[in-house]
N, C-alpha and C. Protein backbone atom coordinates (compact mmCIF):
# COMPACT_ATOMS: atom_id res chain seq x y z
N MET A 1 166.32 -70.10 -92.73
CA MET A 1 165.43 -69.32 -92.00
C MET A 1 165.73 -69.73 -90.56
N LYS A 2 165.36 -68.52 -89.55
CA LYS A 2 165.17 -69.23 -88.23
C LYS A 2 164.08 -69.99 -87.60
N LYS A 3 164.42 -70.87 -86.76
CA LYS A 3 163.51 -71.73 -85.91
C LYS A 3 162.74 -70.89 -84.75
N PHE A 4 161.38 -71.49 -85.04
CA PHE A 4 160.66 -70.96 -83.99
C PHE A 4 159.69 -71.90 -83.26
N SER A 5 159.22 -71.41 -81.88
CA SER A 5 158.93 -72.13 -81.04
C SER A 5 157.67 -72.73 -81.85
N PRO A 6 156.77 -73.65 -81.31
CA PRO A 6 155.76 -74.69 -82.08
C PRO A 6 155.08 -73.39 -81.77
N GLU A 7 154.32 -72.54 -80.40
CA GLU A 7 153.64 -71.51 -80.51
C GLU A 7 153.90 -70.13 -81.48
N MET A 8 155.24 -70.14 -81.39
CA MET A 8 155.03 -68.63 -82.36
C MET A 8 154.68 -69.31 -83.67
N GLN A 9 154.99 -70.28 -84.09
CA GLN A 9 154.74 -71.50 -85.49
C GLN A 9 153.24 -71.05 -85.68
N ALA A 10 152.29 -71.39 -84.45
CA ALA A 10 151.03 -71.86 -84.37
C ALA A 10 150.13 -70.47 -84.79
N LEU A 11 151.13 -69.77 -83.87
CA LEU A 11 150.13 -67.99 -84.30
C LEU A 11 150.46 -67.36 -85.66
N MET A 12 151.73 -67.98 -86.29
CA MET A 12 151.72 -67.33 -87.75
C MET A 12 150.85 -67.89 -88.43
N THR A 13 150.84 -69.48 -88.51
CA THR A 13 150.07 -70.22 -88.91
C THR A 13 148.35 -69.60 -89.22
N THR A 14 147.97 -69.28 -87.79
CA THR A 14 146.74 -68.74 -87.54
C THR A 14 146.69 -67.51 -88.39
N ILE A 15 147.72 -66.70 -88.32
CA ILE A 15 147.25 -64.81 -89.14
C ILE A 15 147.60 -65.46 -90.85
N VAL A 16 149.14 -66.06 -90.98
CA VAL A 16 148.39 -66.07 -92.91
C VAL A 16 146.89 -66.99 -92.66
N TYR A 17 146.60 -67.88 -92.57
CA TYR A 17 145.29 -68.51 -92.69
C TYR A 17 144.00 -67.51 -92.61
N LEU A 18 144.11 -66.36 -91.31
CA LEU A 18 143.16 -65.09 -91.59
C LEU A 18 143.31 -64.42 -92.64
N GLU A 19 144.34 -63.97 -92.84
CA GLU A 19 144.63 -62.79 -93.98
C GLU A 19 144.28 -63.64 -95.42
N CYS A 20 144.44 -65.01 -95.49
CA CYS A 20 143.72 -65.82 -96.71
C CYS A 20 142.37 -65.91 -96.99
N ARG A 21 141.95 -66.11 -95.93
CA ARG A 21 140.48 -66.10 -95.75
C ARG A 21 140.02 -64.49 -96.10
N VAL A 22 139.97 -63.95 -95.65
CA VAL A 22 139.68 -62.40 -95.59
C VAL A 22 140.15 -62.43 -97.09
N GLU A 23 141.07 -62.34 -97.84
CA GLU A 23 141.45 -62.02 -99.43
C GLU A 23 140.71 -63.21 -100.24
N ALA A 24 140.44 -64.08 -99.42
CA ALA A 24 139.63 -64.92 -100.37
C ALA A 24 137.75 -64.38 -100.34
N ILE A 25 137.72 -64.18 -99.23
CA ILE A 25 135.94 -63.23 -98.95
C ILE A 25 136.26 -62.47 -100.22
N LEU A 26 136.98 -61.13 -100.05
CA LEU A 26 136.75 -60.23 -100.80
C LEU A 26 136.81 -60.87 -102.26
N GLU A 27 137.57 -61.59 -102.54
CA GLU A 27 137.91 -61.73 -104.11
C GLU A 27 136.64 -62.24 -104.75
N LEU A 28 135.86 -63.22 -103.69
CA LEU A 28 134.58 -64.00 -104.08
C LEU A 28 133.71 -62.63 -103.77
N LEU A 29 133.47 -62.05 -103.40
CA LEU A 29 132.86 -60.62 -103.62
C LEU A 29 132.98 -59.85 -104.41
N GLY A 30 134.53 -60.32 -105.44
CA GLY A 30 134.30 -59.09 -106.27
C GLY A 30 133.82 -59.49 -107.45
N ASP A 31 134.18 -61.42 -107.40
CA ASP A 31 133.86 -62.02 -108.44
C ASP A 31 132.26 -62.04 -108.67
N LYS A 32 131.44 -61.04 -107.82
CA LYS A 32 129.90 -61.13 -107.96
C LYS A 32 129.61 -59.49 -107.85
N GLY A 33 130.58 -58.96 -108.27
CA GLY A 33 130.37 -57.52 -108.61
C GLY A 33 130.36 -56.48 -107.34
N ILE A 34 130.78 -57.23 -106.01
CA ILE A 34 130.49 -56.46 -104.98
C ILE A 34 131.19 -55.89 -104.02
N THR A 35 132.51 -54.85 -103.92
CA THR A 35 133.28 -54.00 -103.93
C THR A 35 133.31 -53.82 -102.10
N LEU A 36 133.88 -53.57 -101.43
CA LEU A 36 134.18 -52.55 -100.03
C LEU A 36 135.38 -51.71 -100.27
N GLU A 37 135.13 -50.73 -99.81
CA GLU A 37 136.00 -50.11 -99.36
C GLU A 37 137.02 -50.56 -98.22
N ASP A 38 138.04 -49.76 -98.17
CA ASP A 38 138.45 -49.84 -97.28
C ASP A 38 138.51 -49.36 -95.67
N ALA A 39 138.27 -47.83 -96.15
CA ALA A 39 137.37 -47.32 -95.13
C ALA A 39 136.39 -47.98 -94.18
N ASP A 40 135.63 -48.77 -94.70
CA ASP A 40 134.54 -49.43 -94.36
C ASP A 40 134.79 -50.89 -93.87
N ILE A 41 135.79 -51.11 -94.19
CA ILE A 41 135.85 -52.66 -93.51
C ILE A 41 136.91 -52.32 -92.58
N ASN A 42 137.66 -51.09 -92.44
CA ASN A 42 138.37 -51.14 -91.11
C ASN A 42 137.92 -50.84 -90.25
N SER A 43 136.72 -49.84 -90.53
CA SER A 43 135.52 -49.52 -89.41
C SER A 43 134.73 -50.94 -88.69
N THR A 44 134.41 -51.47 -89.47
CA THR A 44 133.75 -52.55 -88.99
C THR A 44 134.59 -53.75 -88.02
N THR A 45 135.88 -53.65 -88.76
CA THR A 45 136.75 -54.30 -88.20
C THR A 45 136.83 -53.57 -86.48
N HIS A 46 137.71 -52.90 -86.36
CA HIS A 46 137.38 -52.02 -85.21
C HIS A 46 135.97 -52.40 -84.18
N LYS A 47 134.91 -52.28 -84.98
CA LYS A 47 133.56 -52.64 -84.27
C LYS A 47 133.85 -53.99 -84.07
N ILE A 48 134.33 -55.31 -84.72
CA ILE A 48 134.10 -56.15 -84.24
C ILE A 48 135.29 -56.59 -83.25
N HIS A 49 136.05 -55.99 -83.08
CA HIS A 49 137.21 -56.59 -82.41
C HIS A 49 136.96 -55.57 -81.06
N ALA A 50 136.30 -54.39 -81.49
CA ALA A 50 135.90 -54.20 -79.56
C ALA A 50 134.98 -55.14 -78.97
N VAL A 51 134.44 -55.45 -79.45
CA VAL A 51 132.91 -56.70 -78.63
C VAL A 51 133.77 -57.66 -78.38
N GLN A 52 134.23 -58.49 -79.54
CA GLN A 52 135.21 -59.96 -79.74
C GLN A 52 136.35 -59.95 -79.76
N GLY A 53 137.06 -58.89 -79.56
CA GLY A 53 138.45 -58.89 -79.66
C GLY A 53 139.01 -59.85 -78.04
N ASP A 54 138.55 -59.89 -77.28
CA ASP A 54 138.94 -60.81 -76.20
C ASP A 54 138.40 -62.09 -76.45
N VAL A 55 137.61 -62.49 -77.12
CA VAL A 55 137.23 -63.75 -77.06
C VAL A 55 137.89 -64.78 -78.08
N PHE A 56 138.47 -63.55 -79.78
CA PHE A 56 138.83 -64.53 -80.26
C PHE A 56 140.47 -64.27 -80.00
N ARG A 57 141.11 -63.51 -79.22
CA ARG A 57 141.99 -63.77 -78.59
C ARG A 57 142.62 -64.91 -77.55
N HIS A 58 141.60 -65.43 -76.82
CA HIS A 58 141.16 -66.45 -75.43
C HIS A 58 141.32 -68.15 -76.73
N LYS A 59 140.65 -67.53 -77.93
CA LYS A 59 140.27 -69.32 -79.32
C LYS A 59 141.63 -69.12 -79.80
N ILE A 60 142.39 -68.12 -79.84
CA ILE A 60 143.70 -68.57 -80.80
C ILE A 60 144.63 -68.73 -79.49
N ALA A 61 144.58 -68.29 -78.53
CA ALA A 61 146.08 -68.60 -77.45
C ALA A 61 145.48 -70.31 -77.01
N CYS A 62 144.44 -71.08 -76.91
CA CYS A 62 143.62 -72.45 -76.52
C CYS A 62 144.36 -72.77 -78.28
N ARG A 63 144.29 -72.63 -79.33
CA ARG A 63 144.43 -73.35 -80.37
C ARG A 63 145.72 -73.36 -80.00
N ILE A 64 146.28 -72.29 -79.87
CA ILE A 64 147.89 -72.60 -79.69
C ILE A 64 148.44 -73.16 -79.03
N ARG A 65 147.47 -73.21 -77.88
CA ARG A 65 148.74 -73.73 -76.63
C ARG A 65 148.17 -75.97 -76.69
N ASN A 66 147.62 -76.08 -77.96
CA ASN A 66 146.85 -77.55 -78.22
C ASN A 66 148.39 -77.93 -79.03
N PRO A 67 149.03 -79.34 -78.19
CA PRO A 67 149.99 -79.92 -79.03
C PRO A 67 148.93 -80.47 -80.69
N ASN A 68 147.85 -80.52 -80.43
CA ASN A 68 147.36 -81.28 -82.42
C ASN A 68 147.25 -80.12 -82.86
N PHE A 69 147.84 -78.87 -82.38
CA PHE A 69 147.69 -77.59 -83.55
C PHE A 69 146.94 -78.03 -85.10
N ASP A 70 146.32 -77.78 -85.22
CA ASP A 70 145.80 -78.06 -86.73
C ASP A 70 144.62 -76.86 -87.28
N ILE A 71 145.28 -76.06 -88.73
CA ILE A 71 144.52 -75.03 -89.02
C ILE A 71 143.05 -75.78 -89.62
N GLY A 72 143.30 -76.88 -90.03
CA GLY A 72 142.02 -77.61 -90.71
C GLY A 72 140.93 -77.97 -89.93
């Protein structure tokens, strides 16, 4: 497997963590009998991204630059 820079590894770890978190939330909702349509999720995601995307980008960039980066 190709070696990635620490920054790229941190970015990939962040992306995987966030994907797992989304899946966990959807699974927990499903266990409670709550289902969400993909179109609704996408629409809400776009709304949040439009408002908070830059803030989230900044937080992730700071996390990636941190030499003590840890997802926990």
